[in-house]
Each structure stands twice: as C-alpha cells, then as structure tokens.
C-alpha cells in the first residue's frame, strides 16, 4: 500500500523559533505522523529571528528564483532547507527580503502588528504551493496551522484546483488561540484575486477582515477542522462546528498525534 502524503504548513516550529503551543506541535506532529507510516513535508516562513548559521539553513537553488506578483509588485521567492537530525525530518523555509528579514515575527518590538502581514501571508502560502509543485510531491492532505496559513484552503480549492499536484488534496485547518488585533488592510480581498479566484469567492471579506473573518474563510474551503488550543475564539469554533464538516475537539498532549492521524484517515476516506 502506497503511503499517504501529508503536507504541513505552519507559522512556527521549534527549535528554529522559541517554544510555543504551535511551534511544539509543528515539531512533534510531523515526526509522529511519519512514524505512523505516512510521508511528510513541512514548511514555515524564514523569519529574521531564525539563526541560519546555527540551524544550518542553506538555499535550494533549484527551487528558488521564481517571482510572485502581489498587488502588481514582484517579490522574489527564495527557498531554504534545514534538517532536524534527531527526527530525520527536513524543514523547508519560505524567504523573501521584503517580508521576512525583520527580527520580529508578526508584530514589532512595541507589539504593533505589521501592516503588511496581509501580503506576508499571501506570499508565504503561494510560495509553499509553488515550491511543492517544483518538488513534484503531490500531497493527499494539507494540514494548515495558524491564521497565517488561512489562505491555503482558498488557493488550493480555487487557484490550484486543476493542478495535478493539488486537485485531489484534502485540507485540514487548525484553529489556534492566535487572534490578531489589527484588521487587515482594506484592499486585502483585491490582492487575492488571481486565476480561479473571483469576487464571488471573497464575498465574506467585504467588510473589515479580522481574525474571525479570515478564519471563517479558511473553514469554508477546508474539508476538516481541528481545535488545536484549549481555548479558541468562540465565534470561530461555533462556525466550524455548525458547518457540517468533520470537527475534532481539542485533544490532550499525550494522545493528540494518534487522534490527528485517525482524523486524517477519516478525511482521506
């Protein structure tokens, strides 16, 4: 039997960034799923806080060199890779000088969220998709972690729906307690329009785009939802529970990998 392929798209992974709920899960879960017989690939942004020398990141020239256009501006896509030797696991990093050189992750030293987080999210998600295509590694299931990956379900189901790499992929979206405060810029929806994505797909983004609105968009285009934090935005959770798609409640640390693996099998069936 051919092993199922699971693509993990996350915002944080330890040891490259400090230990948080998400960074620990994104480190342990892919290894655990691999040990349960599935193939894995894992992606995160190459934030400026990541020490490239200490973590032995190196650029993958054959995957780099593409430009992604966002709001009529070209942004070069650079791909780096590193290995977690103890887990026999490779991590792919999406890099770009405009978006990921600063030392902070999503907000500045005063806690003010970066105004270009909207474009950073767009670039990151599209960068993952284009890199996976270049790898010619076609996932059976894509698991998205955190609001920065919330656009992946939309892009996969609309822009990449006919692409051989993604047309059969199922999508699981994990809700975390990672709400952002500042709504995204007013022209956010316009920046999302690309082949396959129409105004009609983005009707839910017509008002201000806050954490709740963005999370609901991800849920709309996903095949299954997981509650990854003990406490999450109640409106987002209620929306996920009532839309009829498979929903997995928060799972304790000692059993969550097995429960997630069973959930993947349920979605893939």
Protein backbone atom coordinates (compact mmCIF):
# COMPACT_ATOMS: atom_id res chain seq x y z
CA UNK A 1 0.00 0.00 0.00
CA UNK A 2 1.35 3.43 -1.00
CA UNK A 3 1.96 5.74 1.97
CA UNK A 4 -0.31 8.79 2.13
CA UNK A 5 1.45 12.15 1.79
CA UNK A 6 0.76 14.87 4.36
CA UNK A 7 1.89 18.47 3.82
CA UNK A 8 2.24 20.60 6.95
CA UNK A 9 2.10 24.38 6.58
CA UNK A 10 2.78 26.24 9.80
CA UNK A 11 3.92 29.59 11.15
CA UNK A 12 6.35 28.40 13.83
CA UNK A 13 8.49 25.34 14.53
CA UNK A 14 10.88 24.77 17.42
CA UNK A 15 13.94 24.69 17.59
CA UNK A 16 14.06 27.40 14.91
CA UNK A 17 11.82 29.67 16.99
CA UNK A 18 11.00 29.79 20.70
CA UNK A 19 8.78 27.09 22.17
CA UNK A 20 5.09 27.97 21.88
CA UNK A 21 2.00 25.82 21.66
CA UNK A 22 2.14 25.94 17.86
CA UNK A 23 5.90 25.58 17.45
CA UNK A 24 5.98 22.45 19.64
CA UNK A 25 3.03 20.83 17.85
CA UNK A 26 4.52 21.68 14.44
CA UNK A 27 7.76 19.99 15.54
CA UNK A 28 6.26 16.85 17.11
CA UNK A 29 3.26 16.20 14.87
CA UNK A 30 5.04 15.67 11.51
CA UNK A 31 7.53 13.29 13.14
CA UNK A 32 4.71 11.39 14.84
CA UNK A 33 2.71 11.13 11.62
CA UNK A 34 5.82 9.95 9.75
CA UNK A 35 6.38 7.29 12.42
CA UNK A 36 2.80 6.13 11.81
CA UNK A 37 3.59 5.33 8.20
CA UNK A 38 2.84 8.50 6.23
CA UNK A 39 5.15 10.62 4.08
CA UNK A 40 5.56 14.22 5.21
CA UNK A 41 6.81 17.64 4.08
CA UNK A 42 6.86 20.64 6.41
CA UNK A 43 7.05 24.38 5.62
CA UNK A 44 7.44 27.56 7.68
CA UNK A 45 8.43 31.20 6.94
CA UNK A 46 12.14 32.06 7.25
CA UNK A 47 11.67 34.82 9.83
CA UNK A 48 14.68 37.05 10.53
CA UNK A 49 14.77 35.75 14.11
CA UNK A 50 15.96 32.36 12.82
CA UNK A 51 19.74 31.97 13.08
CA UNK A 52 20.71 30.48 9.72
CA UNK A 53 24.26 29.51 10.67
CA UNK A 54 23.37 27.84 13.96
CA UNK A 55 20.48 25.96 12.40
CA UNK A 56 22.44 25.14 9.22
CA UNK A 57 19.93 26.53 6.74
CA UNK A 58 21.01 26.57 3.12
CA UNK A 59 19.35 27.84 -0.02
CA UNK A 60 17.98 25.33 -2.51
CA UNK A 61 18.96 26.98 -5.78
CA UNK A 62 16.89 24.69 -8.00
CA UNK A 63 13.71 25.68 -6.10
CA UNK A 64 14.47 29.40 -5.76
CA UNK A 65 14.42 32.11 -8.40
CA UNK A 66 10.70 32.50 -9.05
CA UNK A 67 8.88 35.81 -8.62
CA UNK A 68 5.41 36.07 -7.07
CA UNK A 69 3.32 39.12 -8.01
CA UNK A 70 1.24 40.64 -5.22
CA UNK A 71 -0.61 43.92 -5.81
CA UNK A 72 1.36 44.46 -9.06
CA UNK A 73 4.73 44.12 -7.29
CA UNK A 74 7.26 41.35 -7.98
CA UNK A 75 8.64 39.56 -4.93
CA UNK A 76 11.49 37.03 -5.38
CA UNK A 77 10.86 33.62 -3.79
CA UNK A 78 13.83 32.07 -2.00
CA UNK A 79 13.68 28.52 -0.62
CA UNK A 80 15.92 27.31 2.18
CA UNK A 81 16.09 23.97 3.92
CA UNK A 82 17.39 22.54 7.19
CA UNK A 83 17.25 19.17 8.92
CA UNK A 84 16.20 18.11 12.40
CA UNK A 85 18.61 15.19 12.62
CA UNK A 86 17.03 13.52 15.64
CA UNK A 87 13.73 13.27 13.78
CA UNK A 88 15.19 12.60 10.31
CA UNK A 89 12.97 15.46 9.18
CA UNK A 90 13.62 18.24 6.67
CA UNK A 91 12.06 21.68 7.09
CA UNK A 92 11.52 23.96 4.09
CA UNK A 93 11.64 27.72 4.64
CA UNK A 94 9.94 30.38 2.51
CA UNK A 95 12.11 33.50 2.39
CA UNK A 96 11.92 36.97 0.88
CA UNK A 97 13.88 40.10 1.79
CA UNK A 98 10.83 42.41 1.86
CA UNK A 99 8.71 40.19 4.09
CA UNK A 100 10.89 38.02 6.32
CA UNK A 101 14.17 39.79 7.12
CA UNK A 102 12.93 41.69 10.20
CA UNK A 103 13.76 40.13 13.57
CA UNK A 104 10.19 40.04 14.92
CA UNK A 105 7.55 37.60 13.69
CA UNK A 106 4.17 39.29 13.27
CA UNK A 107 4.46 42.49 15.33
CA UNK A 108 7.21 44.99 16.16
CA UNK A 109 9.04 45.42 19.47
CA UNK A 110 6.16 47.56 20.75
CA UNK A 111 3.58 44.87 19.98
CA UNK A 112 2.21 46.74 16.94
CA UNK A 113 1.23 44.24 14.24
CA UNK A 114 3.00 44.73 10.92
CA UNK A 115 0.79 46.50 8.40
CA UNK A 116 1.97 44.17 5.61
CA UNK A 117 1.01 40.93 7.41
CA UNK A 118 -1.68 40.53 4.74
CA UNK A 119 0.87 40.37 1.92
CA UNK A 120 3.28 38.30 4.03
CA UNK A 121 0.53 35.68 4.41
CA UNK A 122 -0.30 35.74 0.69
CA UNK A 123 3.37 35.40 -0.26
CA UNK A 124 4.01 32.62 2.23
CA UNK A 125 1.04 30.47 1.19
CA UNK A 126 1.59 30.91 -2.54
CA UNK A 127 5.31 30.29 -2.03
CA UNK A 128 4.58 26.95 -0.37
CA UNK A 129 2.28 25.89 -3.22
CA UNK A 130 4.76 26.81 -5.95
CA UNK A 131 7.61 25.05 -4.13
CA UNK A 132 5.56 21.86 -3.66
CA UNK A 133 4.81 21.91 -7.39
CA UNK A 134 8.53 22.24 -8.18
CA UNK A 135 9.26 19.33 -5.83
CA UNK A 136 6.69 17.29 -7.82
CA UNK A 137 5.48 15.97 -4.47
CA UNK A 138 1.69 15.79 -4.54
CA UNK A 139 0.07 15.78 -1.08
CA UNK A 140 -3.01 13.72 -0.30
CA UNK A 141 -3.78 16.02 2.63
CA UNK A 142 -2.63 19.52 3.59
CA UNK A 143 -2.72 20.47 7.30
CA UNK A 144 -2.62 24.26 7.93
CA UNK A 145 -1.58 25.67 11.32
CA UNK A 146 -2.34 29.22 12.40
CA UNK A 147 -4.02 32.21 10.79
CA UNK A 148 -1.00 32.96 8.60
CA UNK A 149 -1.85 29.79 6.63
CA UNK A 150 -5.59 30.58 6.43
CA UNK A 151 -5.44 31.40 2.70
CA UNK A 152 -4.10 27.97 1.74
CA UNK A 153 -7.56 26.30 1.58
CA UNK A 154 -8.86 29.05 -0.76
CA UNK A 155 -5.84 28.87 -3.06
CA UNK A 156 -5.83 25.06 -3.22
CA UNK A 157 -9.57 24.75 -3.87
CA UNK A 158 -9.73 27.60 -6.41
CA UNK A 159 -6.41 28.69 -7.96
CA UNK A 160 -4.81 25.21 -7.92
CA UNK A 161 -7.97 23.15 -8.37
CA UNK A 162 -6.88 21.79 -11.76
CA UNK A 163 -3.21 21.46 -10.92
CA UNK A 164 -2.16 17.77 -10.88
CA UNK A 165 -0.31 18.36 -7.59
CA UNK A 166 -3.30 19.69 -5.67
CA UNK A 167 -6.53 18.78 -7.45
CA UNK A 168 -7.18 15.74 -5.22
CA UNK A 169 -5.75 17.18 -1.98
CA UNK A 170 -7.91 17.31 1.15
CA UNK A 171 -7.41 20.19 3.56
CA UNK A 172 -7.47 20.29 7.35
CA UNK A 173 -7.36 23.67 9.09
CA UNK A 174 -6.30 24.00 12.73
CA UNK A 175 -7.74 26.80 14.87
CA UNK A 176 -5.33 28.20 17.45
CA UNK A 177 -5.59 30.87 20.10
CA UNK A 178 -3.53 33.21 17.87
CA UNK A 179 -6.03 36.04 17.23
CA UNK A 180 -4.60 39.23 15.75
CA UNK A 181 -5.93 42.62 16.81
CA UNK A 182 -5.46 44.95 13.83
CA UNK A 183 -7.79 44.16 10.87
CA UNK A 184 -6.03 43.54 7.56
CA UNK A 185 -5.85 46.37 5.02
CA UNK A 186 -8.97 47.43 3.14
CA UNK A 187 -7.72 46.19 -0.24
CA UNK A 188 -6.85 42.72 1.07
CA UNK A 189 -9.54 40.93 -0.98
CA UNK A 190 -8.38 42.63 -4.20
CA UNK A 191 -4.86 41.26 -3.67
CA UNK A 192 -6.23 37.71 -3.51
CA UNK A 193 -7.78 37.76 -6.97
CA UNK A 194 -5.78 35.52 -9.28
CA UNK A 195 -6.73 32.88 -11.87
CA UNK A 196 -9.55 30.77 -10.44
CA UNK A 197 -10.40 33.16 -7.59
CA UNK A 198 -13.28 35.55 -8.19
CA UNK A 199 -15.06 38.32 -6.26
CA UNK A 200 -17.80 35.77 -5.61
CA UNK A 201 -15.37 33.56 -3.65
CA UNK A 202 -14.43 36.54 -1.49
CA UNK A 203 -17.87 37.86 -0.55
CA UNK A 204 -17.22 37.15 3.13
CA UNK A 205 -14.29 39.61 3.03
CA UNK A 206 -16.34 42.64 2.02
CA UNK A 207 -16.27 44.29 5.47
CA UNK A 208 -13.22 44.57 7.70
CA UNK A 209 -11.09 41.43 7.63
CA UNK A 210 -10.29 40.46 11.21
CA UNK A 211 -9.16 37.15 12.71
CA UNK A 212 -12.70 35.82 12.81
CA UNK A 213 -13.45 36.67 9.17
CA UNK A 214 -10.18 35.17 7.93
CA UNK A 215 -10.66 32.00 10.00
CA UNK A 216 -14.17 31.53 8.61
CA UNK A 217 -12.82 31.84 5.05
CA UNK A 218 -10.32 29.05 5.84
CA UNK A 219 -13.10 26.89 7.27
CA UNK A 220 -15.30 27.44 4.20
CA UNK A 221 -12.68 25.93 1.89
CA UNK A 222 -11.40 23.16 4.19
CA UNK A 223 -12.51 19.52 4.42
CA UNK A 224 -11.99 19.18 8.18
CA UNK A 225 -11.31 21.42 11.18
CA UNK A 226 -9.27 20.78 14.33
CA UNK A 227 -9.33 22.82 17.53
CA UNK A 228 -5.63 22.99 18.39
CA UNK A 229 -5.72 25.21 21.51
CA UNK A 230 -7.72 24.50 24.70
CA UNK A 231 -9.34 27.94 24.35
CA UNK A 232 -10.04 29.46 20.93
CA UNK A 233 -12.22 32.24 19.53
CA UNK A 234 -15.76 31.10 20.43
CA UNK A 235 -17.38 32.52 17.27
CA UNK A 236 -14.86 30.74 15.05
CA UNK A 237 -15.33 27.47 16.93
CA UNK A 238 -19.13 27.71 16.71
CA UNK A 239 -18.88 28.42 12.97
CA UNK A 240 -16.64 25.37 12.47
CA UNK A 241 -18.96 23.11 14.47
CA UNK A 242 -22.15 24.06 12.68
CA UNK A 243 -20.99 23.92 9.05
CA UNK A 244 -21.33 20.13 8.81
CA UNK A 245 -17.66 19.34 8.14
CA UNK A 246 -15.74 16.91 10.36
CA UNK A 247 -14.60 18.75 13.51
CA UNK A 248 -12.09 17.45 16.05
CA UNK A 249 -12.23 19.00 19.52
CA UNK A 250 -9.06 19.86 21.44
CA UNK A 251 -7.02 16.74 22.23
CA UNK A 252 -4.65 16.32 25.21
CA UNK A 253 -0.90 16.27 24.62
CA UNK A 254 -0.48 12.53 25.28
CA UNK A 255 -2.96 11.39 22.61
CA UNK A 256 -3.27 14.17 20.02
CA UNK A 257 -0.90 12.65 17.42
CA UNK A 258 -2.90 9.39 17.29
CA UNK A 259 -6.19 11.33 17.21
CA UNK A 260 -4.96 13.60 14.40
CA UNK A 261 -3.75 10.57 12.44
CA UNK A 262 -7.19 8.96 12.79
CA UNK A 263 -8.80 12.25 11.72
CA UNK A 264 -6.61 12.39 8.59
CA UNK A 265 -7.70 8.83 7.72
CA UNK A 266 -11.33 9.83 8.21
CA UNK A 267 -10.94 12.83 5.86
CA UNK A 268 -9.00 10.82 3.28
CA UNK A 269 -11.62 8.08 3.29
